[in-house]
Every structure is written in structure tokens, then in C-alpha cells.
PDB file of N, CA and C in Angstrom:
ATOM      1  N   UNK A   1       1.658  -2.155  35.281  1.00  0.00           N
ATOM      2  CA  UNK A   1       1.493  -2.423  33.462  1.00  0.00           C
ATOM      3  C   UNK A   1       2.199  -1.926  32.739  1.00  0.00           C
ATOM      4  N   UNK A   2       2.294  -2.272  31.412  1.00  0.00           N
ATOM      5  CA  UNK A   2       3.641  -1.968  30.499  1.00  0.00           C
ATOM      6  C   UNK A   2       3.292  -0.629  29.978  1.00  0.00           C
ATOM      7  N   UNK A   3       4.588   0.044  29.665  1.00  0.00           N
ATOM      8  CA  UNK A   3       4.434   1.161  29.411  1.00  0.00           C
ATOM      9  C   UNK A   3       3.629   1.829  28.223  1.00  0.00           C
ATOM     10  N   UNK A   4       3.438   0.800  27.319  1.00  0.00           N
ATOM     11  CA  UNK A   4       2.605   1.343  26.352  1.00  0.00           C
ATOM     12  C   UNK A   4       0.760   1.245  26.925  1.00  0.00           C
ATOM     13  N   UNK A   5       0.466   0.860  27.911  1.00  0.00           N
ATOM     14  CA  UNK A   5      -0.948   0.937  28.773  1.00  0.00           C
ATOM     15  C   UNK A   5      -0.799   2.369  29.532  1.00  0.00           C
ATOM     16  N   UNK A   6       0.581   2.608  30.029  1.00  0.00           N
ATOM     17  CA  UNK A   6       0.666   3.917  30.844  1.00  0.00           C
ATOM     18  C   UNK A   6       0.524   5.145  29.737  1.00  0.00           C
ATOM     19  N   UNK A   7       1.229   5.142  28.367  1.00  0.00           N
ATOM     20  CA  UNK A   7       0.971   5.914  27.405  1.00  0.00           C
ATOM     21  C   UNK A   7      -0.276   6.405  27.010  1.00  0.00           C
ATOM     22  N   UNK A   8      -1.217   5.228  26.722  1.00  0.00           N
ATOM     23  CA  UNK A   8      -2.666   5.378  26.200  1.00  0.00           C
ATOM     24  C   UNK A   8      -3.483   5.749  27.511  1.00  0.00           C
ATOM     25  N   UNK A   9      -3.268   5.569  28.551  1.00  0.00           N
ATOM     26  CA  UNK A   9      -4.012   5.992  29.663  1.00  0.00           C
ATOM     27  C   UNK A   9      -3.580   7.571  29.851  1.00  0.00           C
ATOM     28  N   UNK A  10      -2.519   7.775  29.819  1.00  0.00           N
ATOM     29  CA  UNK A  10      -1.848   9.385  29.785  1.00  0.00           C
ATOM     30  C   UNK A  10      -2.945  10.029  28.869  1.00  0.00           C
ATOM     31  N   UNK A  11      -2.877   9.816  27.685  1.00  0.00           N
ATOM     32  CA  UNK A  11      -3.412  10.595  26.420  1.00  0.00           C
ATOM     33  C   UNK A  11      -4.788  10.586  26.466  1.00  0.00           C
ATOM     34  N   UNK A  12      -5.193   9.345  26.949  1.00  0.00           N
ATOM     35  CA  UNK A  12      -6.828   8.836  26.811  1.00  0.00           C
ATOM     36  C   UNK A  12      -7.131   8.218  25.423  1.00  0.00           C
ATOM     37  N   UNK A  13      -6.295   7.415  24.735  1.00  0.00           N
ATOM     38  CA  UNK A  13      -6.374   6.990  23.716  1.00  0.00           C
ATOM     39  C   UNK A  13      -6.632   5.404  23.710  1.00  0.00           C
ATOM     40  N   UNK A  14      -7.225   4.711  22.721  1.00  0.00           N
ATOM     41  CA  UNK A  14      -8.092   3.645  22.964  1.00  0.00           C
ATOM     42  C   UNK A  14      -6.871   2.243  22.279  1.00  0.00           C
ATOM     43  N   UNK A  15      -6.047   2.783  21.610  1.00  0.00           N
ATOM     44  CA  UNK A  15      -4.918   2.241  20.581  1.00  0.00           C
ATOM     45  C   UNK A  15      -4.137   3.021  20.033  1.00  0.00           C
ATOM     46  N   UNK A  16      -2.610   2.629  19.914  1.00  0.00           N
ATOM     47  CA  UNK A  16      -1.892   3.550  18.898  1.00  0.00           C
ATOM     48  C   UNK A  16      -2.053   3.176  17.432  1.00  0.00           C
ATOM     49  N   UNK A  17      -1.354   4.161  16.806  1.00  0.00           N
ATOM     50  CA  UNK A  17      -1.477   4.225  15.444  1.00  0.00           C
ATOM     51  C   UNK A  17      -0.870   3.089  14.733  1.00  0.00           C
ATOM     52  N   UNK A  18      -1.914   2.649  13.808  1.00  0.00           N
ATOM     53  CA  UNK A  18      -1.720   1.444  12.822  1.00  0.00           C
ATOM     54  C   UNK A  18      -0.122   1.819  12.040  1.00  0.00           C
ATOM     55  N   UNK A  19      -0.252   2.923  11.497  1.00  0.00           N
ATOM     56  CA  UNK A  19       1.267   3.208  10.718  1.00  0.00           C
ATOM     57  C   UNK A  19       2.008   4.295  11.451  1.00  0.00           C
ATOM     58  N   UNK A  20       2.872   3.730  12.572  1.00  0.00           N
ATOM     59  CA  UNK A  20       3.520   5.262  13.559  1.00  0.00           C
ATOM     60  C   UNK A  20       3.998   6.082  12.551  1.00  0.00           C
ATOM     61  N   UNK A  21       4.975   5.663  11.752  1.00  0.00           N
ATOM     62  CA  UNK A  21       5.558   6.448  10.808  1.00  0.00           C
ATOM     63  C   UNK A  21       5.087   7.359  10.279  1.00  0.00           C
ATOM     64  N   UNK A  22       3.952   7.107   9.608  1.00  0.00           N
ATOM     65  CA  UNK A  22       2.705   8.205   8.897  1.00  0.00           C
ATOM     66  C   UNK A  22       1.901   8.763   9.845  1.00  0.00           C
ATOM     67  N   UNK A  23       0.867   8.271  10.664  1.00  0.00           N
ATOM     68  CA  UNK A  23      -0.079   8.623  11.323  1.00  0.00           C
ATOM     69  C   UNK A  23       0.378   8.904  12.966  1.00  0.00           C
ATOM     70  N   UNK A  24       0.302  10.082  13.008  1.00  0.00           N
ATOM     71  CA  UNK A  24       0.294  10.381  14.812  1.00  0.00           C
ATOM     72  C   UNK A  24      -0.704  10.458  15.528  1.00  0.00           C
ATOM     73  N   UNK A  25      -0.566   9.917  16.688  1.00  0.00           N
ATOM     74  CA  UNK A  25      -2.125  10.220  17.600  1.00  0.00           C
ATOM     75  C   UNK A  25      -2.166  10.725  18.540  1.00  0.00           C
ATOM     76  N   UNK A  26      -0.842  11.488  19.058  1.00  0.00           N
ATOM     77  CA  UNK A  26      -0.854  11.946  20.152  1.00  0.00           C
ATOM     78  C   UNK A  26       0.440  12.467  20.492  1.00  0.00           C
ATOM     79  N   UNK A  27       0.717  13.542  21.334  1.00  0.00           N
ATOM     80  CA  UNK A  27       1.812  14.062  21.548  1.00  0.00           C
ATOM     81  C   UNK A  27       1.972  14.265  23.415  1.00  0.00           C
ATOM     82  N   UNK A  28       3.013  13.415  23.798  1.00  0.00           N
ATOM     83  CA  UNK A  28       3.611  13.610  25.075  1.00  0.00           C
ATOM     84  C   UNK A  28       4.611  14.876  25.387  1.00  0.00           C
ATOM     85  N   UNK A  29       4.370  15.137  26.680  1.00  0.00           N
ATOM     86  CA  UNK A  29       5.128  16.350  26.819  1.00  0.00           C
ATOM     87  C   UNK A  29       6.349  15.812  27.731  1.00  0.00           C
ATOM     88  N   UNK A  30       7.577  16.490  27.929  1.00  0.00           N
ATOM     89  CA  UNK A  30       8.450  16.139  28.912  1.00  0.00           C
ATOM     90  C   UNK A  30       8.018  15.861  30.017  1.00  0.00           C
ATOM     91  N   UNK A  31       7.195  16.424  30.732  1.00  0.00           N
ATOM     92  CA  UNK A  31       6.740  15.875  32.208  1.00  0.00           C
ATOM     93  C   UNK A  31       5.938  14.724  32.332  1.00  0.00           C
ATOM     94  N   UNK A  32       5.321  14.429  31.210  1.00  0.00           N
ATOM     95  CA  UNK A  32       4.685  13.102  31.288  1.00  0.00           C
ATOM     96  C   UNK A  32       5.227  11.857  31.149  1.00  0.00           C
ATOM     97  N   UNK A  33       6.433  12.294  30.109  1.00  0.00           N
ATOM     98  CA  UNK A  33       7.357  10.901  30.059  1.00  0.00           C
ATOM     99  C   UNK A  33       8.307  10.688  31.251  1.00  0.00           C
ATOM    100  N   UNK A  34       8.470  12.017  32.000  1.00  0.00           N
ATOM    101  CA  UNK A  34       9.154  11.794  33.013  1.00  0.00           C
ATOM    102  C   UNK A  34       8.270  10.859  34.086  1.00  0.00           C
ATOM    103  N   UNK A  35       7.156  11.351  34.022  1.00  0.00           N
ATOM    104  CA  UNK A  35       6.102  10.739  34.973  1.00  0.00           C
ATOM    105  C   UNK A  35       6.048   9.137  34.995  1.00  0.00           C
ATOM    106  N   UNK A  36       6.096   8.619  33.622  1.00  0.00           N
ATOM    107  CA  UNK A  36       5.955   7.430  33.176  1.00  0.00           C
ATOM    108  C   UNK A  36       7.010   6.531  33.595  1.00  0.00           C
ATOM    109  N   UNK A  37       7.947   7.280  33.388  1.00  0.00           N
ATOM    110  CA  UNK A  37       9.346   6.486  33.537  1.00  0.00           C
ATOM    111  C   UNK A  37       9.654   6.521  34.980  1.00  0.00           C
ATOM    112  N   UNK A  38       9.214   7.336  35.892  1.00  0.00           N
ATOM    113  CA  UNK A  38       9.497   7.422  37.281  1.00  0.00           C
ATOM    114  C   UNK A  38       8.425   6.081  37.890  1.00  0.00           C
ATOM    115  N   UNK A  39       6.970   5.774  37.359  1.00  0.00           N
ATOM    116  CA  UNK A  39       6.162   4.415  37.221  1.00  0.00           C
ATOM    117  C   UNK A  39       7.212   3.402  37.236  1.00  0.00           C
ATOM    118  N   UNK A  40       7.730   3.139  35.915  1.00  0.00           N
ATOM    119  CA  UNK A  40       8.201   2.034  35.317  1.00  0.00           C
ATOM    120  C   UNK A  40       9.707   1.992  35.836  1.00  0.00           C
ATOM    121  N   UNK A  41      10.409   2.797  36.672  1.00  0.00           N
ATOM    122  CA  UNK A  41      11.701   2.743  36.912  1.00  0.00           C
ATOM    123  C   UNK A  41      12.080   1.173  37.354  1.00  0.00           C
ATOM    124  N   UNK A  42      11.425   0.934  38.459  1.00  0.00           N
ATOM    125  CA  UNK A  42      11.960  -0.544  38.824  1.00  0.00           C
ATOM    126  C   UNK A  42      12.006  -1.479  37.944  1.00  0.00           C
ATOM    127  N   UNK A  43      11.174  -1.458  36.759  1.00  0.00           N
ATOM    128  CA  UNK A  43      11.372  -2.690  35.915  1.00  0.00           C
ATOM    129  C   UNK A  43      12.167  -2.433  34.508  1.00  0.00           C
ATOM    130  N   UNK A  44      12.643  -1.104  34.729  1.00  0.00           N
ATOM    131  CA  UNK A  44      13.560  -0.872  33.450  1.00  0.00           C
ATOM    132  C   UNK A  44      14.919  -0.912  33.514  1.00  0.00           C
ATOM    133  N   UNK A  45      15.518  -1.584  32.487  1.00  0.00           N
ATOM    134  CA  UNK A  45      17.498  -1.542  32.910  1.00  0.00           C
ATOM    135  C   UNK A  45      18.030  -0.118  32.469  1.00  0.00           C
ATOM    136  N   UNK A  46      17.486   0.742  33.508  1.00  0.00           N
ATOM    137  CA  UNK A  46      18.193   2.057  33.468  1.00  0.00           C
ATOM    138  C   UNK A  46      18.630   2.665  34.382  1.00  0.00           C
ATOM    139  N   UNK A  47      19.563   3.261  34.480  1.00  0.00           N
ATOM    140  CA  UNK A  47      20.562   3.581  35.987  1.00  0.00           C
ATOM    141  C   UNK A  47      20.178   4.706  36.211  1.00  0.00           C
ATOM    142  N   UNK A  48      19.486   5.587  35.228  1.00  0.00           N
ATOM    143  CA  UNK A  48      18.633   6.906  35.818  1.00  0.00           C
ATOM    144  C   UNK A  48      17.452   7.346  35.127  1.00  0.00           C
ATOM    145  N   UNK A  49      17.015   8.443  35.576  1.00  0.00           N
ATOM    146  CA  UNK A  49      15.604   8.698  34.984  1.00  0.00           C
ATOM    147  C   UNK A  49      15.663   9.374  33.527  1.00  0.00           C
ATOM    148  N   UNK A  50      17.226  10.096  33.117  1.00  0.00           N
ATOM    149  CA  UNK A  50      17.315  10.030  31.820  1.00  0.00           C
ATOM    150  C   UNK A  50      17.143   8.940  30.576  1.00  0.00           C
ATOM    151  N   UNK A  51      17.930   7.917  31.148  1.00  0.00           N
ATOM    152  CA  UNK A  51      17.944   6.640  30.522  1.00  0.00           C
ATOM    153  C   UNK A  51      16.455   6.246  30.191  1.00  0.00           C
ATOM    154  N   UNK A  52      15.961   6.051  31.359  1.00  0.00           N
ATOM    155  CA  UNK A  52      14.291   5.689  31.274  1.00  0.00           C
ATOM    156  C   UNK A  52      13.578   6.246  30.598  1.00  0.00           C
ATOM    157  N   UNK A  53      13.813   7.819  30.428  1.00  0.00           N
ATOM    158  CA  UNK A  53      12.932   8.477  29.728  1.00  0.00           C
ATOM    159  C   UNK A  53      13.121   8.133  28.406  1.00  0.00           C
ATOM    160  N   UNK A  54      14.256   7.735  27.931  1.00  0.00           N
ATOM    161  CA  UNK A  54      14.569   7.730  26.393  1.00  0.00           C
ATOM    162  C   UNK A  54      13.810   6.212  26.125  1.00  0.00           C
ATOM    163  N   UNK A  55      13.835   5.404  27.106  1.00  0.00           N
ATOM    164  CA  UNK A  55      13.457   4.276  26.692  1.00  0.00           C
ATOM    165  C   UNK A  55      11.565   4.220  26.652  1.00  0.00           C
ATOM    166  N   UNK A  56      11.125   5.094  27.422  1.00  0.00           N
ATOM    167  CA  UNK A  56       9.572   5.442  27.514  1.00  0.00           C
ATOM    168  C   UNK A  56       9.398   6.388  25.881  1.00  0.00           C
ATOM    169  N   UNK A  57      10.454   6.903  25.936  1.00  0.00           N
ATOM    170  CA  UNK A  57      10.092   7.789  24.408  1.00  0.00           C
ATOM    171  C   UNK A  57      10.284   7.054  22.965  1.00  0.00           C
ATOM    172  N   UNK A  58      10.840   5.738  23.515  1.00  0.00           N
ATOM    173  CA  UNK A  58      11.149   5.028  22.080  1.00  0.00           C
ATOM    174  C   UNK A  58       9.877   4.284  21.601  1.00  0.00           C
ATOM    175  N   UNK A  59       8.977   3.724  23.081  1.00  0.00           N
ATOM    176  CA  UNK A  59       7.967   2.984  23.165  1.00  0.00           C
ATOM    177  C   UNK A  59       7.027   3.832  22.488  1.00  0.00           C
ATOM    178  N   UNK A  60       6.790   5.093  22.955  1.00  0.00           N
ATOM    179  CA  UNK A  60       5.837   5.927  22.637  1.00  0.00           C
ATOM    180  C   UNK A  60       5.703   6.351  20.815  1.00  0.00           C
ATOM    181  N   UNK A  61       7.050   6.407  20.649  1.00  0.00           N
ATOM    182  CA  UNK A  61       7.310   7.023  18.902  1.00  0.00           C
ATOM    183  C   UNK A  61       6.851   5.281  18.163  1.00  0.00           C
ATOM    184  N   UNK A  62       7.196   4.404  18.755  1.00  0.00           N
ATOM    185  CA  UNK A  62       6.817   3.044  17.950  1.00  0.00           C
ATOM    186  C   UNK A  62       5.156   2.848  17.806  1.00  0.00           C
ATOM    187  N   UNK A  63       4.360   3.702  18.747  1.00  0.00           N
ATOM    188  CA  UNK A  63       2.962   3.739  18.950  1.00  0.00           C
ATOM    189  C   UNK A  63       2.633   4.728  17.974  1.00  0.00           C
ATOM    190  N   UNK A  64       3.162   5.635  17.520  1.00  0.00           N
ATOM    191  CA  UNK A  64       2.677   6.710  16.392  1.00  0.00           C
ATOM    192  C   UNK A  64       2.399   8.035  17.528  1.00  0.00           C
ATOM    193  N   UNK A  65       2.950   7.975  18.545  1.00  0.00           N
ATOM    194  CA  UNK A  65       2.883   9.386  19.675  1.00  0.00           C
ATOM    195  C   UNK A  65       4.513   9.993  19.586  1.00  0.00           C
ATOM    196  N   UNK A  66       4.110  11.088  19.323  1.00  0.00           N
ATOM    197  CA  UNK A  66       5.334  12.150  19.473  1.00  0.00           C
ATOM    198  C   UNK A  66       5.703  12.764  20.755  1.00  0.00           C
ATOM    199  N   UNK A  67       6.684  12.586  21.139  1.00  0.00           N
ATOM    200  CA  UNK A  67       7.489  13.339  22.480  1.00  0.00           C
ATOM    201  C   UNK A  67       8.465  14.490  22.175  1.00  0.00           C
ATOM    202  N   UNK A  68       8.578  14.913  23.219  1.00  0.00           N
ATOM    203  CA  UNK A  68       9.510  16.041  23.427  1.00  0.00           C
ATOM    204  C   UNK A  68      10.667  15.571  23.922  1.00  0.00           C
ATOM    205  N   UNK A  69      11.168  14.253  24.394  1.00  0.00           N
ATOM    206  CA  UNK A  69      12.298  13.997  24.608  1.00  0.00           C
ATOM    207  C   UNK A  69      13.132  13.404  23.652  1.00  0.00           C
TER     208      UNK A  69
END
């Protein structure tokens, strides 16, 4: 599934924020970001887990979710 679906499932959200720069809808821990990145690793253009976590973190931020990454 897409990263956004995995993020919503992890946090139990129905949808992301309509205004991601103003309204935050949740927070992902570093461990949660790493778990999603491990799941998505075959589909991402990333050589290591750290780069994959940055991609997932960017997706989360665009949805209005704060991250520890």
C-alpha cells in the first residue's frame, strides 16, 4: 500500500490534515517511521534505511503529521 495509507493506519487516522502547515493531526515516533520505511523499502528509491525514513518523514509532513525524524 502507499506510504500515506500506512501512516494513517499506524496513527488510526481517517485522513490527513487539510492544511498541513497549520493543523497537525498526529505524531510518528522514530520507531514507527522506521517500521513503515522497512515495509516500503522495496518500492522506494533509497539505498539504506536512513534515506527511506527521510522519504517517509516527508510524506508524513505533507499529510500534517509531525515526526521525530
